[in-house]
Amino acid sequence: MRIIFRASLLISIVFLVYLTAGVAQAEPLEFTSSTQYLWGDDLLGESQSVIAQYLRFGYVPPEKKFSFAGYGRLWQDLDGGGVRDDDFNTRLYYLYLDYSPIENISARLGRQFVNFTAGTSIMDGATVNIHKMGPFGLTLAGGWDVRFSLDSEEWKSGNYFIGMDVHLEDVSSTRLGVSYVRRYDESELAREEFGMNFRYFFKSLSPYAELKYDRLTETIDEAVAGIDFFPISNLMVKTEFYHSYPIFDSTSIYSVFAVEKFREYLIRAEYALTLPVTLIAQYSLQEYEDAEDADVYSVGARIYPIDGLTVNATFDYREGY
């Protein structure tokens, strides 16, 4: 599988070169590039000068059952500082093939970002989506976990990610999904999580919730529940409860350190004026397990001066930890 995947990356790169060289004006191909220059001091106080090139492409041929997409970065530290690697470096964020053999089944092969409520991964592998199983859909994902460091990426044969998600489809007023994820570190089980997400749309009310449960530690590590309320067309009031308890991989040295639970109770109002301005006010009570609580007040505005431009301005005032 690893050899097949690396071969697919090479084929995709050759395919991209061919397109940009000979068929760059073809309508199905979208290609963008941006250059970035960073200059400043690194963590050791030494000068660094980094030039980077970002490349993104998508190829969607008409009336075909497949498409390609890719995104990567090339860069070099011209000053050779003590923190960053001064060699020529590359990073592949994603490069995958989408293929839909029949109407209700689609697959994605290659490097990709997988996002389930139970967990996320950038992986080298495959995702399969099965649609319209009655009112339900099913997503299955599996592959090698990819981990990025400052200047490189790392994958090992024993670092795996597998997951599944069952969710409602084509139910206009309700969103509901249940997911399950397992992550392995050098073939040892490092994380096993269950997740659930929910939102219901009912006239002027929209309750929602999200939950993550870590089976290895038997802990709810993240939970959120709230309601969006629209008493009138231009006013939204949000109330929300958020809970967080940091959980590390069982194979990580950080798993032996003590951590604190965090809870936040929030109320927020957004009022849209007839002019292109939305006024915002928010209060949140933040509770830290072994420290003082905090009260946070926020006021601000979201302004739309012209089409395509949004300006946000917010003032925060905190009392407490």
Protein backbone atom coordinates (compact mmCIF):
# COMPACT_ATOMS: atom_id res chain seq x y z
CA MET A 1 0.00 0.00 0.00
CA ARG A 2 2.80 2.43 0.84
CA ILE A 3 4.53 1.72 -2.49
CA ILE A 4 1.23 2.09 -4.34
CA PHE A 5 0.50 5.39 -2.64
CA ARG A 6 3.98 6.82 -3.33
CA ALA A 7 3.58 5.73 -6.94
CA SER A 8 0.22 7.49 -7.11
CA LEU A 9 1.88 10.68 -5.80
CA LEU A 10 4.53 10.46 -8.52
CA ILE A 11 1.91 9.84 -11.20
CA SER A 12 -0.10 12.81 -9.95
CA ILE A 13 2.96 15.07 -10.02
CA VAL A 14 3.84 13.98 -13.55
CA PHE A 15 0.21 14.51 -14.49
CA LEU A 16 0.34 18.04 -13.04
CA VAL A 17 3.55 18.89 -14.91
CA TYR A 18 2.00 17.66 -18.15
CA LEU A 19 -1.10 19.76 -17.64
CA THR A 20 0.76 22.94 -16.73
CA ALA A 21 3.17 22.52 -19.61
CA GLY A 22 0.77 21.64 -22.39
CA VAL A 23 -2.81 22.09 -21.29
CA ALA A 24 -2.48 24.94 -18.78
CA GLN A 25 -5.23 26.89 -20.54
CA ALA A 26 -7.69 24.02 -20.30
CA GLU A 27 -10.83 24.98 -18.44
CA PRO A 28 -10.96 21.92 -16.10
CA LEU A 29 -7.59 22.86 -14.57
CA GLU A 30 -7.33 25.43 -11.79
CA PHE A 31 -3.82 26.38 -10.70
CA THR A 32 -2.80 29.04 -8.19
CA SER A 33 0.57 30.02 -6.79
CA SER A 34 1.65 32.47 -4.10
CA THR A 35 5.08 33.57 -2.85
CA GLN A 36 5.81 34.47 0.76
CA TYR A 37 8.86 36.14 2.30
CA LEU A 38 9.39 36.07 6.08
CA TRP A 39 12.12 37.97 7.86
CA GLY A 40 12.82 38.32 11.58
CA ASP A 41 14.50 36.69 14.59
CA ASP A 42 14.09 33.02 15.45
CA LEU A 43 13.68 31.53 18.95
CA LEU A 44 17.43 31.88 19.60
CA GLY A 45 17.43 35.56 18.62
CA GLU A 46 19.28 34.87 15.36
CA SER A 47 18.19 36.41 12.09
CA GLN A 48 16.15 34.28 9.73
CA SER A 49 15.07 35.00 6.19
CA VAL A 50 12.63 32.49 4.70
CA ILE A 51 11.27 32.47 1.17
CA ALA A 52 8.39 30.11 0.46
CA GLN A 53 6.33 29.15 -2.56
CA TYR A 54 2.81 27.75 -2.23
CA LEU A 55 1.29 25.73 -5.08
CA ARG A 56 -2.33 24.58 -5.35
CA PHE A 57 -4.12 22.85 -8.20
CA GLY A 58 -7.42 21.17 -8.98
CA TYR A 59 -8.36 19.19 -12.08
CA VAL A 60 -12.04 18.39 -12.62
CA PRO A 61 -12.65 17.07 -16.14
CA PRO A 62 -16.24 17.44 -17.35
CA GLU A 63 -18.47 14.37 -17.43
CA LYS A 64 -15.83 12.22 -15.71
CA LYS A 65 -16.05 10.19 -12.51
CA PHE A 66 -12.70 11.35 -11.16
CA SER A 67 -10.83 14.53 -10.20
CA PHE A 68 -7.43 15.50 -8.75
CA ALA A 69 -6.44 18.11 -6.14
CA GLY A 70 -3.15 19.05 -4.52
CA TYR A 71 -1.57 21.67 -2.27
CA GLY A 72 2.05 22.00 -1.16
CA ARG A 73 4.81 24.34 -0.03
CA LEU A 74 8.47 24.80 -0.94
CA TRP A 75 10.78 26.96 1.18
CA GLN A 76 14.32 27.71 2.27
CA ASP A 77 15.90 29.69 5.11
CA LEU A 78 18.41 31.93 3.34
CA ASP A 79 20.21 32.91 6.58
CA GLY A 80 20.74 29.38 7.90
CA GLY A 81 19.55 30.14 11.43
CA GLY A 82 19.93 27.87 14.44
CA VAL A 83 16.26 26.88 14.66
CA ARG A 84 15.08 26.23 11.12
CA ASP A 85 16.69 23.81 8.71
CA ASP A 86 18.58 25.81 6.06
CA ASP A 87 18.22 23.08 3.41
CA PHE A 88 15.62 23.24 0.66
CA ASN A 89 12.40 21.91 2.24
CA THR A 90 9.04 20.74 0.95
CA ARG A 91 5.72 19.96 2.55
CA LEU A 92 2.74 18.22 0.98
CA TYR A 93 -0.51 19.23 2.69
CA TYR A 94 -2.76 17.16 0.45
CA LEU A 95 -2.68 15.34 -2.88
CA TYR A 96 -5.55 13.03 -3.65
CA LEU A 97 -7.72 11.44 -6.31
CA ASP A 98 -11.51 11.58 -5.96
CA TYR A 99 -13.37 8.79 -7.73
CA SER A 100 -17.08 7.95 -7.82
CA PRO A 101 -17.62 4.54 -9.47
CA ILE A 102 -21.39 4.59 -8.92
CA GLU A 103 -23.94 7.20 -7.91
CA ASN A 104 -24.05 6.57 -4.15
CA ILE A 105 -20.39 5.67 -3.49
CA SER A 106 -17.36 7.96 -3.67
CA ALA A 107 -13.74 7.38 -2.67
CA ARG A 108 -10.70 9.57 -1.99
CA LEU A 109 -7.18 8.14 -2.30
CA GLY A 110 -3.99 9.93 -1.27
CA ARG A 111 -2.87 12.45 1.32
CA GLN A 112 -5.95 14.09 2.81
CA PHE A 113 -7.43 15.76 5.86
CA VAL A 114 -10.04 13.66 7.68
CA ASN A 115 -12.34 15.40 10.14
CA PHE A 116 -14.66 13.40 12.39
CA THR A 117 -16.15 14.64 15.66
CA ALA A 118 -14.23 11.83 17.38
CA GLY A 119 -10.88 12.93 15.91
CA THR A 120 -8.98 14.34 12.96
CA SER A 121 -5.94 13.34 10.94
CA ILE A 122 -3.80 14.23 7.97
CA MET A 123 -3.24 10.77 6.57
CA ASP A 124 -1.89 8.87 3.60
CA GLY A 125 -4.76 6.54 2.89
CA ALA A 126 -8.32 6.16 1.64
CA THR A 127 -11.76 7.48 2.54
CA VAL A 128 -14.99 5.90 1.29
CA ASN A 129 -18.36 7.65 1.46
CA ILE A 130 -21.59 5.66 1.06
CA HIS A 131 -24.66 7.84 0.57
CA LYS A 132 -28.41 7.36 0.92
CA MET A 133 -28.54 4.19 2.97
CA GLY A 134 -32.11 5.11 3.75
CA PRO A 135 -31.81 8.39 5.69
CA PHE A 136 -28.20 7.62 6.67
CA GLY A 137 -24.74 8.00 5.21
CA LEU A 138 -21.52 6.20 6.15
CA THR A 139 -17.91 7.40 5.95
CA LEU A 140 -14.96 5.03 6.45
CA ALA A 141 -11.33 6.22 6.61
CA GLY A 142 -7.98 4.56 7.19
CA GLY A 143 -4.31 5.10 6.50
CA TRP A 144 -0.94 6.18 7.83
CA ASP A 145 -0.92 9.12 10.24
CA VAL A 146 1.24 12.02 9.02
CA ARG A 147 2.78 14.35 11.60
CA PHE A 148 4.32 17.72 10.75
CA SER A 149 7.24 19.25 12.61
CA LEU A 150 8.70 22.71 12.07
CA ASP A 151 10.57 21.81 8.89
CA SER A 152 9.63 18.24 8.04
CA GLU A 153 6.94 15.61 8.07
CA GLU A 154 7.09 12.20 9.67
CA TRP A 155 5.30 8.93 9.06
CA LYS A 156 6.06 5.48 10.42
CA SER A 157 4.72 2.12 9.31
CA GLY A 158 3.12 1.58 12.73
CA ASN A 159 1.37 4.96 12.96
CA TYR A 160 -2.19 4.32 11.79
CA PHE A 161 -5.48 6.18 11.81
CA ILE A 162 -8.85 4.48 11.30
CA GLY A 163 -12.29 5.94 11.76
CA MET A 164 -15.93 5.79 10.80
CA ASP A 165 -18.84 8.20 10.88
CA VAL A 166 -22.58 7.47 10.58
CA HIS A 167 -24.74 10.51 9.92
CA LEU A 168 -28.17 11.60 8.76
CA GLU A 169 -28.57 12.72 5.15
CA ASP A 170 -31.31 14.70 3.41
CA VAL A 171 -33.14 15.41 6.68
CA SER A 172 -33.88 19.10 6.32
CA SER A 173 -34.33 20.10 9.97
CA THR A 174 -31.85 17.80 11.73
CA ARG A 175 -28.13 17.13 11.60
CA LEU A 176 -26.90 14.14 13.57
CA GLY A 177 -23.68 12.12 13.42
CA VAL A 178 -21.90 9.50 15.51
CA SER A 179 -18.22 8.71 14.92
CA TYR A 180 -15.47 6.43 16.20
CA VAL A 181 -11.68 6.80 15.85
CA ARG A 182 -8.65 4.69 16.74
CA ARG A 183 -5.06 5.96 16.48
CA TYR A 184 -1.94 3.79 16.74
CA ASP A 185 1.61 4.88 17.62
CA GLU A 186 4.20 2.33 16.43
CA SER A 187 1.42 -0.28 16.34
CA GLU A 188 0.39 0.46 19.95
CA LEU A 189 -3.11 1.80 20.62
CA ALA A 190 -2.64 5.48 21.50
CA ARG A 191 -6.16 6.91 21.29
CA GLU A 192 -9.71 5.55 21.10
CA GLU A 193 -12.48 8.13 20.92
CA PHE A 194 -16.23 8.30 20.37
CA GLY A 195 -17.89 11.46 19.09
CA MET A 196 -21.40 12.81 18.55
CA ASN A 197 -22.69 15.99 16.92
CA PHE A 198 -26.23 17.32 16.71
CA ARG A 199 -28.11 20.39 15.49
CA TYR A 200 -31.84 20.93 15.08
CA PHE A 201 -33.49 23.78 13.16
CA PHE A 202 -36.93 24.78 14.46
CA LYS A 203 -38.37 28.14 13.38
CA SER A 204 -36.57 30.71 15.59
CA LEU A 205 -34.62 28.14 17.67
CA SER A 206 -31.60 26.03 16.79
CA PRO A 207 -30.19 23.85 19.61
CA TYR A 208 -26.87 22.10 19.04
CA ALA A 209 -24.44 19.83 20.88
CA GLU A 210 -21.10 18.09 20.37
CA LEU A 211 -19.42 15.47 22.56
CA LYS A 212 -16.10 13.58 22.62
CA TYR A 213 -15.44 10.62 24.90
CA ASP A 214 -12.01 9.01 25.37
CA ARG A 215 -12.45 5.30 26.12
CA LEU A 216 -8.89 4.66 27.33
CA THR A 217 -9.19 7.20 30.14
CA GLU A 218 -12.99 6.90 30.43
CA THR A 219 -13.23 10.69 30.24
CA ILE A 220 -15.42 13.20 28.43
CA ASP A 221 -12.60 15.35 27.06
CA GLU A 222 -14.71 17.87 25.17
CA ALA A 223 -18.37 18.88 25.20
CA VAL A 224 -20.39 21.81 23.92
CA ALA A 225 -24.11 22.52 24.08
CA GLY A 226 -25.99 25.63 23.12
CA ILE A 227 -28.99 27.30 21.54
CA ASP A 228 -29.16 29.93 18.80
CA PHE A 229 -32.31 32.02 19.23
CA PHE A 230 -33.69 34.44 16.63
CA PRO A 231 -36.50 36.44 18.33
CA ILE A 232 -36.63 38.82 15.34
CA SER A 233 -35.10 38.60 11.89
CA ASN A 234 -32.10 40.84 12.59
CA LEU A 235 -31.25 39.64 16.13
CA MET A 236 -29.44 36.48 17.18
CA VAL A 237 -28.95 35.45 20.81
CA LYS A 238 -26.61 32.56 21.61
CA THR A 239 -26.24 30.71 24.90
CA GLU A 240 -23.54 28.07 25.17
CA PHE A 241 -21.78 25.76 27.62
CA TYR A 242 -18.28 24.46 26.82
CA HIS A 243 -16.23 21.84 28.68
CA SER A 244 -12.62 20.84 27.98
CA TYR A 245 -10.35 18.31 29.67
CA PRO A 246 -7.04 17.80 27.81
CA ILE A 247 -6.29 14.18 26.92
CA PHE A 248 -2.97 13.08 25.40
CA ASP A 249 -2.08 9.93 23.50
CA SER A 250 -1.49 7.05 25.91
CA THR A 251 2.00 6.62 24.41
CA SER A 252 2.95 10.27 25.08
CA ILE A 253 5.06 11.33 28.07
CA TYR A 254 2.56 14.17 28.59
CA SER A 255 -0.13 11.65 29.57
CA VAL A 256 1.40 11.42 33.09
CA PHE A 257 1.10 15.17 33.74
CA ALA A 258 -1.79 16.63 35.73
CA VAL A 259 -4.21 18.79 33.76
CA GLU A 260 -7.16 20.95 34.73
CA LYS A 261 -10.74 20.96 33.56
CA PHE A 262 -12.01 24.13 31.93
CA ARG A 263 -15.64 25.26 31.64
CA GLU A 264 -17.16 28.30 30.00
CA TYR A 265 -20.71 29.67 30.15
CA LEU A 266 -21.42 32.17 27.38
CA ILE A 267 -24.19 34.47 26.21
CA ARG A 268 -23.82 36.48 22.99
CA ALA A 269 -26.05 38.83 21.03
CA GLU A 270 -25.65 40.04 17.45
CA TYR A 271 -27.93 42.79 16.13
CA ALA A 272 -27.86 43.75 12.44
CA LEU A 273 -28.65 47.40 11.74
CA THR A 274 -30.26 48.60 8.53
CA LEU A 275 -26.85 49.97 7.61
CA PRO A 276 -24.11 47.42 6.77
CA VAL A 277 -23.17 47.10 10.47
CA THR A 278 -23.74 44.30 12.99
CA LEU A 279 -23.35 45.13 16.69
CA ILE A 280 -21.96 42.41 18.98
CA ALA A 281 -22.06 42.00 22.77
CA GLN A 282 -20.88 38.98 24.75
CA TYR A 283 -20.32 37.82 28.31
CA SER A 284 -18.61 34.61 29.39
CA LEU A 285 -17.86 33.06 32.78
CA GLN A 286 -14.71 30.95 32.64
CA GLU A 287 -14.08 28.38 35.36
CA TYR A 288 -10.63 26.88 35.99
CA GLU A 289 -10.54 23.80 38.19
CA ASP A 290 -7.77 24.79 40.64
CA ALA A 291 -7.63 28.54 40.04
CA GLU A 292 -9.82 31.61 40.17
CA ASP A 293 -12.70 32.12 37.76
CA ALA A 294 -12.76 34.87 35.16
CA ASP A 295 -15.44 37.20 33.80
CA VAL A 296 -14.90 38.29 30.20
CA TYR A 297 -16.92 41.10 28.60
CA SER A 298 -16.77 41.83 24.86
CA VAL A 299 -18.33 44.53 22.70
CA GLY A 300 -17.71 45.12 19.03
CA ALA A 301 -19.01 45.52 15.52
CA ARG A 302 -18.82 43.79 12.17
CA ILE A 303 -18.81 46.28 9.29
CA TYR A 304 -19.32 45.67 5.55
CA PRO A 305 -18.07 48.90 3.90
CA ILE A 306 -18.04 47.50 0.35
CA ASP A 307 -18.83 44.20 -1.33
CA GLY A 308 -16.19 41.60 -0.58
CA LEU A 309 -14.74 43.38 2.46
CA THR A 310 -15.56 42.72 6.14
CA VAL A 311 -14.03 44.65 9.05
CA ASN A 312 -14.27 43.30 12.62
CA ALA A 313 -13.48 45.35 15.72
CA THR A 314 -13.84 43.98 19.26
CA PHE A 315 -12.92 45.22 22.74
CA ASP A 316 -12.42 42.59 25.48
CA TYR A 317 -12.32 43.28 29.21
CA ARG A 318 -11.30 40.49 31.61
CA GLU A 319 -11.60 40.25 35.37
CA GLY A 320 -9.97 37.28 37.04
CA TYR A 321 -7.61 34.48 36.05
